[in-house]
Amino acid sequence: MSVASEAGSLLVALARSLATVGAGVLVASGRRLAATVAAYLIVGLLLAVSLAFLTLSAYRAIAVSLGDVYAPLIVGCIYLVAGLIAALVVQMRRR
């Protein structure tokens, strides 16, 4: 065997090893990403359900004290302000 063919086979073996290690790293990071996304989805779902219950109870309390006309206006304005603040925070993070 010549030196050139040994060097070529060594490079092929090295490339295969790097491809195998790279594939393993991609699979591991993909699993970790999937687990993280699933955890955040569960947390987001729990937060959305709790927000719905809090909104309903706040709406009913305002409706009892102020009436059926002002309750949706107040709750809607609170959500509008929260959305505007969230949009402002997102834009400030981008800069």
Protein backbone atom coordinates (compact mmCIF):
# COMPACT_ATOMS: atom_id res chain seq x y z
CA MET A 1 0.00 0.00 0.00
CA SER A 2 1.21 3.44 -0.77
CA VAL A 3 1.32 6.39 1.55
CA ALA A 4 -1.25 8.26 -0.53
CA SER A 5 -3.83 5.47 -0.28
CA GLU A 6 -3.25 5.15 3.48
CA ALA A 7 -3.71 8.88 3.90
CA GLY A 8 -6.86 8.76 1.75
CA SER A 9 -8.36 5.92 3.77
CA LEU A 10 -7.47 7.74 6.97
CA LEU A 11 -9.26 10.87 5.72
CA VAL A 12 -12.32 8.81 4.77
CA ALA A 13 -12.38 7.21 8.22
CA LEU A 14 -12.01 10.62 9.84
CA ALA A 15 -14.86 12.04 7.73
CA ARG A 16 -17.11 9.11 8.68
CA SER A 17 -16.27 9.58 12.35
CA LEU A 18 -17.03 13.28 12.18
CA ALA A 19 -20.33 12.58 10.40
CA THR A 20 -21.30 10.03 13.05
CA VAL A 21 -20.44 12.36 15.93
CA GLY A 22 -22.24 15.23 14.21
CA ALA A 23 -25.37 13.14 13.71
CA GLY A 24 -25.30 12.13 17.38
CA VAL A 25 -25.01 15.74 18.47
CA LEU A 26 -27.90 16.75 16.21
CA VAL A 27 -30.13 13.98 17.54
CA ALA A 28 -29.33 14.86 21.16
CA SER A 29 -29.94 18.57 20.63
CA GLY A 30 -33.17 17.81 18.75
CA ARG A 31 -34.46 15.73 21.65
CA ARG A 32 -33.53 18.44 24.13
CA LEU A 33 -35.24 21.07 21.98
CA ALA A 34 -38.40 18.95 21.69
CA ALA A 35 -38.50 18.42 25.46
CA THR A 36 -38.02 22.14 26.09
CA VAL A 37 -40.74 23.12 23.62
CA ALA A 38 -43.14 20.58 25.16
CA ALA A 39 -42.43 21.93 28.64
CA TYR A 40 -43.04 25.52 27.53
CA LEU A 41 -46.28 24.50 25.83
CA ILE A 42 -47.53 22.91 29.05
CA VAL A 43 -46.57 26.00 31.05
CA GLY A 44 -48.23 28.25 28.47
CA LEU A 45 -51.40 26.18 28.56
CA LEU A 46 -51.56 26.36 32.35
CA LEU A 47 -50.99 30.12 32.25
CA ALA A 48 -53.72 30.57 29.62
CA VAL A 49 -56.23 28.57 31.67
CA SER A 50 -55.42 30.50 34.83
CA LEU A 51 -55.71 33.78 32.93
CA ALA A 52 -59.12 32.75 31.63
CA PHE A 53 -60.36 32.02 35.15
CA LEU A 54 -58.91 35.26 36.50
CA THR A 55 -60.48 37.23 33.66
CA LEU A 56 -63.86 35.64 34.21
CA SER A 57 -63.81 36.31 37.94
CA ALA A 58 -62.62 39.90 37.42
CA TYR A 59 -65.29 40.45 34.78
CA ARG A 60 -68.02 39.15 37.07
CA ALA A 61 -66.80 41.27 39.98
CA ILE A 62 -66.73 44.40 37.84
CA ALA A 63 -70.12 43.55 36.33
CA VAL A 64 -71.66 43.20 39.79
CA SER A 65 -70.17 46.45 41.08
CA LEU A 66 -70.33 48.70 37.99
CA GLY A 67 -72.78 47.07 35.63
CA ASP A 68 -72.82 45.09 32.42
CA VAL A 69 -71.74 48.02 30.23
CA TYR A 70 -68.52 49.01 31.98
CA ALA A 71 -67.21 45.52 32.76
CA PRO A 72 -66.26 44.52 29.18
CA LEU A 73 -64.81 47.98 28.55
CA ILE A 74 -62.54 47.79 31.61
CA VAL A 75 -61.41 44.20 30.96
CA GLY A 76 -60.86 44.95 27.26
CA CYS A 77 -58.79 48.03 28.04
CA ILE A 78 -56.66 46.07 30.48
CA TYR A 79 -55.89 43.51 27.75
CA LEU A 80 -55.22 46.29 25.22
CA VAL A 81 -52.70 47.96 27.55
CA ALA A 82 -51.06 44.60 28.32
CA GLY A 83 -50.75 43.88 24.59
CA LEU A 84 -49.24 47.29 23.89
CA ILE A 85 -46.72 46.84 26.71
CA ALA A 86 -45.79 43.41 25.37
CA ALA A 87 -45.30 44.86 21.87
CA LEU A 88 -43.11 47.61 23.31
CA VAL A 89 -40.96 45.08 25.18
CA VAL A 90 -40.55 42.96 22.03
CA GLN A 91 -39.49 45.98 19.99
CA MET A 92 -37.04 47.13 22.65
CA ARG A 93 -35.40 43.69 22.71
CA ARG A 94 -34.87 43.80 18.94
CA ARG A 95 -32.88 47.04 19.10
